[in-house]
């Protein structure tokens, strides 16, 4: 985005920021709903793994996902390091849930 330093009123500045923030709020809401759907599915995976005594973590799959998402991030012009940190955060939480399922099955 190329922002030129043109003179606009304070009211126009507020309106422009409000518009940007409305879009950000919509995106944040979509992210929360997407994460909720993702965790519903990983809950099923965790229960399945616990039932069949499959280890909660799958390092090979995790690495493939990290590599795949880093490439997607690069193509989307998003910092691949950020995307990897974000994915690690999600994976850590999913594994924690899977371990809880495993313990409750014992």
PDB file of N, CA and C in Angstrom:
ATOM      1  N   UNK A   1       0.849  -1.162   0.000  1.00  0.00           N
ATOM      2  CA  UNK A   1       0.000   0.000   0.000  1.00  0.00           C
ATOM      3  C   UNK A   1       0.900   1.233   0.000  1.00  0.00           C
ATOM      4  N   UNK A   2       0.632   2.144  -0.877  1.00  0.00           N
ATOM      5  CA  UNK A   2       1.406   3.373  -0.966  1.00  0.00           C
ATOM      6  C   UNK A   2       0.564   4.507  -0.415  1.00  0.00           C
ATOM      7  N   UNK A   3       0.965   5.019   0.727  1.00  0.00           N
ATOM      8  CA  UNK A   3       0.212   6.086   1.375  1.00  0.00           C
ATOM      9  C   UNK A   3       0.925   7.405   1.108  1.00  0.00           C
ATOM     10  N   UNK A   4       0.248   8.297   0.423  1.00  0.00           N
ATOM     11  CA  UNK A   4       0.803   9.617   0.130  1.00  0.00           C
ATOM     12  C   UNK A   4       0.393  10.556   1.245  1.00  0.00           C
ATOM     13  N   UNK A   5       1.233  11.499   1.520  1.00  0.00           N
ATOM     14  CA  UNK A   5       0.943  12.431   2.617  1.00  0.00           C
ATOM     15  C   UNK A   5       0.139  13.617   2.097  1.00  0.00           C
ATOM     16  N   UNK A   6      -1.129  13.320   1.768  1.00  0.00           N
ATOM     17  CA  UNK A   6      -2.028  14.387   1.346  1.00  0.00           C
ATOM     18  C   UNK A   6      -2.762  14.900   2.572  1.00  0.00           C
ATOM     19  N   UNK A   7      -3.209  16.091   2.492  1.00  0.00           N
ATOM     20  CA  UNK A   7      -3.921  16.704   3.614  1.00  0.00           C
ATOM     21  C   UNK A   7      -5.371  16.251   3.607  1.00  0.00           C
ATOM     22  N   UNK A   8      -5.796  15.645   4.710  1.00  0.00           N
ATOM     23  CA  UNK A   8      -7.204  15.306   4.889  1.00  0.00           C
ATOM     24  C   UNK A   8      -7.619  15.743   6.288  1.00  0.00           C
ATOM     25  N   UNK A   9      -8.895  15.945   6.437  1.00  0.00           N
ATOM     26  CA  UNK A   9      -9.388  16.431   7.728  1.00  0.00           C
ATOM     27  C   UNK A   9      -9.282  15.342   8.792  1.00  0.00           C
ATOM     28  N   UNK A  10      -9.361  15.768  10.022  1.00  0.00           N
ATOM     29  CA  UNK A  10      -9.355  14.829  11.152  1.00  0.00           C
ATOM     30  C   UNK A  10     -10.539  13.874  11.045  1.00  0.00           C
ATOM     31  N   UNK A  11     -11.674  14.380  10.599  1.00  0.00           N
ATOM     32  CA  UNK A  11     -12.853  13.532  10.431  1.00  0.00           C
ATOM     33  C   UNK A  11     -12.611  12.477   9.350  1.00  0.00           C
ATOM     34  N   UNK A  12     -11.979  12.846   8.257  1.00  0.00           N
ATOM     35  CA  UNK A  12     -11.652  11.882   7.205  1.00  0.00           C
ATOM     36  C   UNK A  12     -10.646  10.848   7.716  1.00  0.00           C
ATOM     37  N   UNK A  13      -9.717  11.305   8.539  1.00  0.00           N
ATOM     38  CA  UNK A  13      -8.744  10.367   9.124  1.00  0.00           C
ATOM     39  C   UNK A  13      -9.464   9.345   9.990  1.00  0.00           C
ATOM     40  N   UNK A  14     -10.382   9.832  10.837  1.00  0.00           N
ATOM     41  CA  UNK A  14     -11.147   8.926  11.708  1.00  0.00           C
ATOM     42  C   UNK A  14     -11.972   7.940  10.889  1.00  0.00           C
ATOM     43  N   UNK A  15     -12.626   8.433   9.833  1.00  0.00           N
ATOM     44  CA  UNK A  15     -13.447   7.567   8.986  1.00  0.00           C
ATOM     45  C   UNK A  15     -12.604   6.506   8.290  1.00  0.00           C
ATOM     46  N   UNK A  16     -11.435   6.916   7.796  1.00  0.00           N
ATOM     47  CA  UNK A  16     -10.550   5.969   7.111  1.00  0.00           C
ATOM     48  C   UNK A  16     -10.061   4.910   8.081  1.00  0.00           C
ATOM     49  N   UNK A  17      -9.613   5.324   9.269  1.00  0.00           N
ATOM     50  CA  UNK A  17      -9.164   4.354  10.279  1.00  0.00           C
ATOM     51  C   UNK A  17     -10.299   3.427  10.688  1.00  0.00           C
ATOM     52  N   UNK A  18     -11.502   3.977  10.840  1.00  0.00           N
ATOM     53  CA  UNK A  18     -12.652   3.151  11.228  1.00  0.00           C
ATOM     54  C   UNK A  18     -12.926   2.090  10.160  1.00  0.00           C
ATOM     55  N   UNK A  19     -12.812   2.470   8.906  1.00  0.00           N
ATOM     56  CA  UNK A  19     -13.022   1.519   7.814  1.00  0.00           C
ATOM     57  C   UNK A  19     -11.972   0.408   7.844  1.00  0.00           C
ATOM     58  N   UNK A  20     -10.710   0.781   8.017  1.00  0.00           N
ATOM     59  CA  UNK A  20      -9.640  -0.220   8.120  1.00  0.00           C
ATOM     60  C   UNK A  20      -9.895  -1.148   9.300  1.00  0.00           C
ATOM     61  N   UNK A  21     -10.258  -0.556  10.415  1.00  0.00           N
ATOM     62  CA  UNK A  21     -10.464  -1.349  11.627  1.00  0.00           C
ATOM     63  C   UNK A  21     -11.667  -2.271  11.510  1.00  0.00           C
ATOM     64  N   UNK A  22     -12.716  -1.821  10.818  1.00  0.00           N
ATOM     65  CA  UNK A  22     -13.861  -2.711  10.571  1.00  0.00           C
ATOM     66  C   UNK A  22     -13.415  -3.941   9.794  1.00  0.00           C
ATOM     67  N   UNK A  23     -12.581  -3.741   8.783  1.00  0.00           N
ATOM     68  CA  UNK A  23     -12.072  -4.869   7.993  1.00  0.00           C
ATOM     69  C   UNK A  23     -11.222  -5.792   8.856  1.00  0.00           C
ATOM     70  N   UNK A  24     -10.368  -5.207   9.679  1.00  0.00           N
ATOM     71  CA  UNK A  24      -9.530  -6.008  10.586  1.00  0.00           C
ATOM     72  C   UNK A  24     -10.408  -6.815  11.534  1.00  0.00           C
ATOM     73  N   UNK A  25     -11.445  -6.187  12.074  1.00  0.00           N
ATOM     74  CA  UNK A  25     -12.355  -6.891  12.988  1.00  0.00           C
ATOM     75  C   UNK A  25     -13.036  -8.064  12.291  1.00  0.00           C
ATOM     76  N   UNK A  26     -13.449  -7.864  11.047  1.00  0.00           N
ATOM     77  CA  UNK A  26     -14.074  -8.956  10.287  1.00  0.00           C
ATOM     78  C   UNK A  26     -13.096 -10.098  10.058  1.00  0.00           C
ATOM     79  N   UNK A  27     -11.868  -9.757   9.721  1.00  0.00           N
ATOM     80  CA  UNK A  27     -10.849 -10.792   9.497  1.00  0.00           C
ATOM     81  C   UNK A  27     -10.564 -11.534  10.794  1.00  0.00           C
ATOM     82  N   UNK A  28     -10.445 -10.798  11.908  1.00  0.00           N
ATOM     83  CA  UNK A  28     -10.213 -11.444  13.207  1.00  0.00           C
ATOM     84  C   UNK A  28     -11.342 -12.415  13.546  1.00  0.00           C
ATOM     85  N   UNK A  29     -12.580 -12.008  13.282  1.00  0.00           N
ATOM     86  CA  UNK A  29     -13.724 -12.888  13.547  1.00  0.00           C
ATOM     87  C   UNK A  29     -13.630 -14.145  12.674  1.00  0.00           C
ATOM     88  N   UNK A  30     -13.272 -13.975  11.414  1.00  0.00           N
ATOM     89  CA  UNK A  30     -13.134 -15.129  10.518  1.00  0.00           C
ATOM     90  C   UNK A  30     -12.028 -16.058  11.009  1.00  0.00           C
ATOM     91  N   UNK A  31     -10.914 -15.495  11.467  1.00  0.00           N
ATOM     92  CA  UNK A  31      -9.816 -16.316  11.993  1.00  0.00           C
ATOM     93  C   UNK A  31     -10.276 -17.139  13.188  1.00  0.00           C
ATOM     94  N   UNK A  32     -11.025 -16.526  14.089  1.00  0.00           N
ATOM     95  CA  UNK A  32     -11.510 -17.243  15.273  1.00  0.00           C
ATOM     96  C   UNK A  32     -12.423 -18.393  14.858  1.00  0.00           C
ATOM     97  N   UNK A  33     -13.305 -18.138  13.900  1.00  0.00           N
ATOM     98  CA  UNK A  33     -14.207 -19.198  13.441  1.00  0.00           C
ATOM     99  C   UNK A  33     -13.439 -20.310  12.731  1.00  0.00           C
ATOM    100  N   UNK A  34     -12.438 -19.955  11.953  1.00  0.00           N
ATOM    101  CA  UNK A  34     -11.614 -20.957  11.268  1.00  0.00           C
ATOM    102  C   UNK A  34     -10.845 -21.801  12.290  1.00  0.00           C
ATOM    103  N   UNK A  35     -10.285 -21.152  13.301  1.00  0.00           N
ATOM    104  CA  UNK A  35      -9.567 -21.893  14.339  1.00  0.00           C
ATOM    105  C   UNK A  35     -10.520 -22.811  15.104  1.00  0.00           C
ATOM    106  N   UNK A  36     -11.726 -22.333  15.370  1.00  0.00           N
ATOM    107  CA  UNK A  36     -12.706 -23.171  16.070  1.00  0.00           C
ATOM    108  C   UNK A  36     -13.009 -24.418  15.245  1.00  0.00           C
ATOM    109  N   UNK A  37     -13.193 -24.264  13.945  1.00  0.00           N
ATOM    110  CA  UNK A  37     -13.442 -25.423  13.078  1.00  0.00           C
ATOM    111  C   UNK A  37     -12.243 -26.356  13.065  1.00  0.00           C
ATOM    112  N   UNK A  38     -11.047 -25.781  12.996  1.00  0.00           N
ATOM    113  CA  UNK A  38      -9.830 -26.595  12.975  1.00  0.00           C
ATOM    114  C   UNK A  38      -9.722 -27.436  14.249  1.00  0.00           C
ATOM    115  N   UNK A  39     -10.001 -26.796  15.394  1.00  0.00           N
ATOM    116  CA  UNK A  39      -9.880 -27.512  16.661  1.00  0.00           C
ATOM    117  C   UNK A  39     -10.999 -28.546  16.845  1.00  0.00           C
ATOM    118  N   UNK A  40     -12.162 -28.347  16.234  1.00  0.00           N
ATOM    119  CA  UNK A  40     -13.197 -29.391  16.261  1.00  0.00           C
ATOM    120  C   UNK A  40     -12.671 -30.649  15.559  1.00  0.00           C
ATOM    121  N   UNK A  41     -12.011 -30.455  14.439  1.00  0.00           N
ATOM    122  CA  UNK A  41     -11.479 -31.588  13.679  1.00  0.00           C
ATOM    123  C   UNK A  41     -10.320 -32.237  14.431  1.00  0.00           C
ATOM    124  N   UNK A  42      -9.399 -31.412  14.966  1.00  0.00           N
ATOM    125  CA  UNK A  42      -8.261 -32.010  15.671  1.00  0.00           C
ATOM    126  C   UNK A  42      -8.703 -32.709  16.955  1.00  0.00           C
ATOM    127  N   UNK A  43      -9.855 -32.299  17.508  1.00  0.00           N
ATOM    128  CA  UNK A  43     -10.413 -33.032  18.662  1.00  0.00           C
ATOM    129  C   UNK A  43     -10.757 -34.458  18.231  1.00  0.00           C
ATOM    130  N   UNK A  44     -11.375 -34.580  17.070  1.00  0.00           N
ATOM    131  CA  UNK A  44     -11.695 -35.919  16.549  1.00  0.00           C
ATOM    132  C   UNK A  44     -10.428 -36.731  16.304  1.00  0.00           C
ATOM    133  N   UNK A  45      -9.410 -36.081  15.767  1.00  0.00           N
ATOM    134  CA  UNK A  45      -8.125 -36.757  15.539  1.00  0.00           C
ATOM    135  C   UNK A  45      -7.557 -37.241  16.870  1.00  0.00           C
ATOM    136  N   UNK A  46      -7.589 -36.372  17.886  1.00  0.00           N
ATOM    137  CA  UNK A  46      -7.062 -36.738  19.205  1.00  0.00           C
ATOM    138  C   UNK A  46      -7.795 -37.920  19.813  1.00  0.00           C
ATOM    139  N   UNK A  47      -9.119 -37.923  19.693  1.00  0.00           N
ATOM    140  CA  UNK A  47      -9.902 -39.043  20.218  1.00  0.00           C
ATOM    141  C   UNK A  47      -9.578 -40.333  19.452  1.00  0.00           C
ATOM    142  N   UNK A  48      -9.427 -40.225  18.153  1.00  0.00           N
ATOM    143  CA  UNK A  48      -9.089 -41.373  17.324  1.00  0.00           C
ATOM    144  C   UNK A  48      -7.717 -41.929  17.705  1.00  0.00           C
ATOM    145  N   UNK A  49      -6.748 -41.025  17.858  1.00  0.00           N
ATOM    146  CA  UNK A  49      -5.400 -41.462  18.234  1.00  0.00           C
ATOM    147  C   UNK A  49      -5.396 -42.122  19.604  1.00  0.00           C
ATOM    148  N   UNK A  50      -6.145 -41.562  20.542  1.00  0.00           N
ATOM    149  CA  UNK A  50      -6.205 -42.146  21.883  1.00  0.00           C
ATOM    150  C   UNK A  50      -6.840 -43.540  21.826  1.00  0.00           C
ATOM    151  N   UNK A  51      -7.901 -43.670  21.061  1.00  0.00           N
ATOM    152  CA  UNK A  51      -8.611 -44.945  20.958  1.00  0.00           C
ATOM    153  C   UNK A  51      -7.712 -46.039  20.396  1.00  0.00           C
ATOM    154  N   UNK A  52      -6.875 -45.712  19.424  1.00  0.00           N
ATOM    155  CA  UNK A  52      -6.044 -46.716  18.752  1.00  0.00           C
ATOM    156  C   UNK A  52      -4.577 -46.651  19.173  1.00  0.00           C
ATOM    157  N   UNK A  53      -4.335 -45.966  20.295  1.00  0.00           N
ATOM    158  CA  UNK A  53      -2.993 -45.888  20.876  1.00  0.00           C
ATOM    159  C   UNK A  53      -1.950 -45.386  19.869  1.00  0.00           C
ATOM    160  N   UNK A  54      -2.328 -44.347  19.136  1.00  0.00           N
ATOM    161  CA  UNK A  54      -1.414 -43.686  18.202  1.00  0.00           C
ATOM    162  C   UNK A  54      -0.797 -42.504  18.941  1.00  0.00           C
ATOM    163  N   UNK A  55       0.517 -42.295  18.828  1.00  0.00           N
ATOM    164  CA  UNK A  55       1.151 -41.187  19.545  1.00  0.00           C
ATOM    165  C   UNK A  55       0.511 -39.839  19.210  1.00  0.00           C
ATOM    166  N   UNK A  56       0.417 -38.952  20.199  1.00  0.00           N
ATOM    167  CA  UNK A  56      -0.205 -37.647  19.974  1.00  0.00           C
ATOM    168  C   UNK A  56       0.521 -36.801  18.923  1.00  0.00           C
ATOM    169  N   UNK A  57       1.841 -36.899  18.864  1.00  0.00           N
ATOM    170  CA  UNK A  57       2.619 -36.064  17.933  1.00  0.00           C
ATOM    171  C   UNK A  57       3.082 -36.897  16.745  1.00  0.00           C
ATOM    172  N   UNK A  58       3.169 -36.231  15.611  1.00  0.00           N
ATOM    173  CA  UNK A  58       3.683 -36.847  14.390  1.00  0.00           C
ATOM    174  C   UNK A  58       4.676 -35.854  13.781  1.00  0.00           C
ATOM    175  N   UNK A  59       5.930 -35.980  14.174  1.00  0.00           N
ATOM    176  CA  UNK A  59       6.962 -35.007  13.786  1.00  0.00           C
ATOM    177  C   UNK A  59       7.117 -34.887  12.271  1.00  0.00           C
ATOM    178  N   UNK A  60       6.989 -36.001  11.543  1.00  0.00           N
ATOM    179  CA  UNK A  60       7.109 -35.942  10.085  1.00  0.00           C
ATOM    180  C   UNK A  60       5.996 -35.081   9.486  1.00  0.00           C
ATOM    181  N   UNK A  61       4.766 -35.324   9.923  1.00  0.00           N
ATOM    182  CA  UNK A  61       3.632 -34.516   9.429  1.00  0.00           C
ATOM    183  C   UNK A  61       3.813 -33.059   9.809  1.00  0.00           C
ATOM    184  N   UNK A  62       4.230 -32.803  11.039  1.00  0.00           N
ATOM    185  CA  UNK A  62       4.429 -31.423  11.469  1.00  0.00           C
ATOM    186  C   UNK A  62       5.427 -30.707  10.565  1.00  0.00           C
ATOM    187  N   UNK A  63       6.534 -31.386  10.256  1.00  0.00           N
ATOM    188  CA  UNK A  63       7.544 -30.754   9.404  1.00  0.00           C
ATOM    189  C   UNK A  63       7.011 -30.504   7.994  1.00  0.00           C
ATOM    190  N   UNK A  64       6.249 -31.468   7.471  1.00  0.00           N
ATOM    191  CA  UNK A  64       5.652 -31.259   6.139  1.00  0.00           C
ATOM    192  C   UNK A  64       4.705 -30.068   6.148  1.00  0.00           C
ATOM    193  N   UNK A  65       3.932 -29.938   7.217  1.00  0.00           N
ATOM    194  CA  UNK A  65       3.010 -28.807   7.327  1.00  0.00           C
ATOM    195  C   UNK A  65       3.768 -27.488   7.435  1.00  0.00           C
ATOM    196  N   UNK A  66       4.820 -27.481   8.233  1.00  0.00           N
ATOM    197  CA  UNK A  66       5.623 -26.265   8.379  1.00  0.00           C
ATOM    198  C   UNK A  66       6.207 -25.863   7.027  1.00  0.00           C
ATOM    199  N   UNK A  67       6.793 -26.814   6.330  1.00  0.00           N
ATOM    200  CA  UNK A  67       7.372 -26.520   5.016  1.00  0.00           C
ATOM    201  C   UNK A  67       6.299 -26.006   4.058  1.00  0.00           C
ATOM    202  N   UNK A  68       5.156 -26.665   4.048  1.00  0.00           N
ATOM    203  CA  UNK A  68       4.065 -26.274   3.147  1.00  0.00           C
ATOM    204  C   UNK A  68       3.568 -24.866   3.460  1.00  0.00           C
ATOM    205  N   UNK A  69       3.370 -24.581   4.745  1.00  0.00           N
ATOM    206  CA  UNK A  69       2.849 -23.268   5.125  1.00  0.00           C
ATOM    207  C   UNK A  69       3.881 -22.160   4.959  1.00  0.00           C
ATOM    208  N   UNK A  70       5.149 -22.483   5.132  1.00  0.00           N
ATOM    209  CA  UNK A  70       6.197 -21.485   4.858  1.00  0.00           C
ATOM    210  C   UNK A  70       6.164 -21.092   3.379  1.00  0.00           C
ATOM    211  N   UNK A  71       5.988 -22.081   2.506  1.00  0.00           N
ATOM    212  CA  UNK A  71       5.898 -21.781   1.074  1.00  0.00           C
ATOM    213  C   UNK A  71       4.648 -20.970   0.759  1.00  0.00           C
ATOM    214  N   UNK A  72       3.525 -21.347   1.340  1.00  0.00           N
ATOM    215  CA  UNK A  72       2.303 -20.570   1.150  1.00  0.00           C
ATOM    216  C   UNK A  72       2.490 -19.129   1.626  1.00  0.00           C
ATOM    217  N   UNK A  73       3.142 -18.978   2.772  1.00  0.00           N
ATOM    218  CA  UNK A  73       3.380 -17.640   3.315  1.00  0.00           C
ATOM    219  C   UNK A  73       4.237 -16.804   2.360  1.00  0.00           C
ATOM    220  N   UNK A  74       5.294 -17.405   1.854  1.00  0.00           N
ATOM    221  CA  UNK A  74       6.147 -16.684   0.900  1.00  0.00           C
ATOM    222  C   UNK A  74       5.339 -16.221  -0.301  1.00  0.00           C
ATOM    223  N   UNK A  75       4.531 -17.119  -0.851  1.00  0.00           N
ATOM    224  CA  UNK A  75       3.711 -16.770  -2.013  1.00  0.00           C
ATOM    225  C   UNK A  75       2.681 -15.691  -1.698  1.00  0.00           C
ATOM    226  N   UNK A  76       2.216 -15.668  -0.459  1.00  0.00           N
ATOM    227  CA  UNK A  76       1.225 -14.679  -0.031  1.00  0.00           C
ATOM    228  C   UNK A  76       1.880 -13.388   0.472  1.00  0.00           C
ATOM    229  N   UNK A  77       3.196 -13.339   0.410  1.00  0.00           N
ATOM    230  CA  UNK A  77       3.959 -12.185   0.893  1.00  0.00           C
ATOM    231  C   UNK A  77       3.755 -11.942   2.390  1.00  0.00           C
ATOM    232  N   UNK A  78       3.694 -13.059   3.121  1.00  0.00           N
ATOM    233  CA  UNK A  78       3.624 -13.045   4.582  1.00  0.00           C
ATOM    234  C   UNK A  78       4.942 -13.589   5.099  1.00  0.00           C
ATOM    235  N   UNK A  79       5.426 -13.059   6.169  1.00  0.00           N
ATOM    236  CA  UNK A  79       6.699 -13.497   6.743  1.00  0.00           C
ATOM    237  C   UNK A  79       6.627 -14.987   7.084  1.00  0.00           C
ATOM    238  N   UNK A  80       7.444 -15.819   6.420  1.00  0.00           N
ATOM    239  CA  UNK A  80       7.409 -17.264   6.684  1.00  0.00           C
ATOM    240  C   UNK A  80       7.770 -17.609   8.130  1.00  0.00           C
ATOM    241  N   UNK A  81       8.642 -16.818   8.757  1.00  0.00           N
ATOM    242  CA  UNK A  81       8.996 -17.070  10.157  1.00  0.00           C
ATOM    243  C   UNK A  81       7.778 -16.872  11.054  1.00  0.00           C
ATOM    244  N   UNK A  82       6.999 -15.833  10.768  1.00  0.00           N
ATOM    245  CA  UNK A  82       5.778 -15.606  11.535  1.00  0.00           C
ATOM    246  C   UNK A  82       4.821 -16.771  11.352  1.00  0.00           C
ATOM    247  N   UNK A  83       4.635 -17.215  10.108  1.00  0.00           N
ATOM    248  CA  UNK A  83       3.698 -18.311   9.856  1.00  0.00           C
ATOM    249  C   UNK A  83       4.148 -19.584  10.569  1.00  0.00           C
ATOM    250  N   UNK A  84       5.454 -19.815  10.611  1.00  0.00           N
ATOM    251  CA  UNK A  84       5.962 -20.997  11.308  1.00  0.00           C
ATOM    252  C   UNK A  84       5.715 -20.894  12.807  1.00  0.00           C
ATOM    253  N   UNK A  85       5.958 -19.732  13.382  1.00  0.00           N
ATOM    254  CA  UNK A  85       5.695 -19.539  14.820  1.00  0.00           C
ATOM    255  C   UNK A  85       4.211 -19.756  15.127  1.00  0.00           C
ATOM    256  N   UNK A  86       3.364 -19.228  14.258  1.00  0.00           N
ATOM    257  CA  UNK A  86       1.921 -19.370  14.439  1.00  0.00           C
ATOM    258  C   UNK A  86       1.525 -20.841  14.383  1.00  0.00           C
ATOM    259  N   UNK A  87       2.050 -21.563  13.402  1.00  0.00           N
ATOM    260  CA  UNK A  87       1.745 -22.982  13.274  1.00  0.00           C
ATOM    261  C   UNK A  87       2.275 -23.777  14.465  1.00  0.00           C
ATOM    262  N   UNK A  88       3.482 -23.458  14.938  1.00  0.00           N
ATOM    263  CA  UNK A  88       4.027 -24.142  16.119  1.00  0.00           C
ATOM    264  C   UNK A  88       3.111 -23.942  17.324  1.00  0.00           C
ATOM    265  N   UNK A  89       2.591 -22.731  17.466  1.00  0.00           N
ATOM    266  CA  UNK A  89       1.682 -22.446  18.574  1.00  0.00           C
ATOM    267  C   UNK A  89       0.443 -23.340  18.483  1.00  0.00           C
ATOM    268  N   UNK A  90      -0.120 -23.450  17.288  1.00  0.00           N
ATOM    269  CA  UNK A  90      -1.309 -24.276  17.087  1.00  0.00           C
ATOM    270  C   UNK A  90      -0.980 -25.746  17.323  1.00  0.00           C
ATOM    271  N   UNK A  91       0.122 -26.216  16.748  1.00  0.00           N
ATOM    272  CA  UNK A  91       0.513 -27.626  16.906  1.00  0.00           C
ATOM    273  C   UNK A  91       0.715 -27.970  18.374  1.00  0.00           C
ATOM    274  N   UNK A  92       1.375 -27.099  19.105  1.00  0.00           N
ATOM    275  CA  UNK A  92       1.615 -27.333  20.532  1.00  0.00           C
ATOM    276  C   UNK A  92       0.293 -27.490  21.278  1.00  0.00           C
ATOM    277  N   UNK A  93      -0.667 -26.638  20.956  1.00  0.00           N
ATOM    278  CA  UNK A  93      -1.975 -26.706  21.609  1.00  0.00           C
ATOM    279  C   UNK A  93      -2.715 -27.988  21.213  1.00  0.00           C
ATOM    280  N   UNK A  94      -2.655 -28.367  19.955  1.00  0.00           N
ATOM    281  CA  UNK A  94      -3.310 -29.590  19.495  1.00  0.00           C
ATOM    282  C   UNK A  94      -2.712 -30.807  20.194  1.00  0.00           C
ATOM    283  N   UNK A  95      -1.390 -30.871  20.271  1.00  0.00           N
ATOM    284  CA  UNK A  95      -0.732 -32.010  20.929  1.00  0.00           C
ATOM    285  C   UNK A  95      -1.116 -32.063  22.399  1.00  0.00           C
ATOM    286  N   UNK A  96      -1.214 -30.909  23.035  1.00  0.00           N
ATOM    287  CA  UNK A  96      -1.636 -30.863  24.445  1.00  0.00           C
ATOM    288  C   UNK A  96      -3.027 -31.484  24.587  1.00  0.00           C
ATOM    289  N   UNK A  97      -3.925 -31.131  23.670  1.00  0.00           N
ATOM    290  CA  UNK A  97      -5.274 -31.715  23.709  1.00  0.00           C
ATOM    291  C   UNK A  97      -5.234 -33.218  23.460  1.00  0.00           C
ATOM    292  N   UNK A  98      -4.412 -33.633  22.501  1.00  0.00           N
ATOM    293  CA  UNK A  98      -4.308 -35.066  22.207  1.00  0.00           C
ATOM    294  C   UNK A  98      -3.783 -35.831  23.418  1.00  0.00           C
ATOM    295  N   UNK A  99      -2.824 -35.246  24.109  1.00  0.00           N
ATOM    296  CA  UNK A  99      -2.296 -35.904  25.315  1.00  0.00           C
ATOM    297  C   UNK A  99      -3.373 -36.010  26.390  1.00  0.00           C
ATOM    298  N   UNK A 100      -4.222 -34.986  26.496  1.00  0.00           N
ATOM    299  CA  UNK A 100      -5.324 -35.039  27.458  1.00  0.00           C
ATOM    300  C   UNK A 100      -6.301 -36.158  27.110  1.00  0.00           C
ATOM    301  N   UNK A 101      -6.623 -36.314  25.822  1.00  0.00           N
ATOM    302  CA  UNK A 101      -7.500 -37.412  25.406  1.00  0.00           C
ATOM    303  C   UNK A 101      -6.881 -38.749  25.768  1.00  0.00           C
ATOM    304  N   UNK A 102      -5.603 -38.849  25.520  1.00  0.00           N
ATOM    305  CA  UNK A 102      -4.871 -40.097  25.783  1.00  0.00           C
ATOM    306  C   UNK A 102      -4.927 -40.445  27.272  1.00  0.00           C
ATOM    307  N   UNK A 103      -4.724 -39.425  28.122  1.00  0.00           N
ATOM    308  CA  UNK A 103      -4.769 -39.640  29.569  1.00  0.00           C
ATOM    309  C   UNK A 103      -6.171 -40.020  30.027  1.00  0.00           C
ATOM    310  N   UNK A 104      -7.179 -39.423  29.417  1.00  0.00           N
ATOM    311  CA  UNK A 104      -8.551 -39.735  29.829  1.00  0.00           C
ATOM    312  C   UNK A 104      -8.989 -41.112  29.366  1.00  0.00           C
ATOM    313  N   UNK A 105      -8.349 -41.644  28.332  1.00  0.00           N
ATOM    314  CA  UNK A 105      -8.632 -43.008  27.849  1.00  0.00           C
ATOM    315  C   UNK A 105      -7.987 -44.062  28.735  1.00  0.00           C
ATOM    316  N   UNK A 106      -6.962 -43.650  29.514  1.00  0.00           N
ATOM    317  CA  UNK A 106      -6.228 -44.625  30.360  1.00  0.00           C
ATOM    318  C   UNK A 106      -7.032 -45.036  31.563  1.00  0.00           C
TER     319      UNK A 106
END
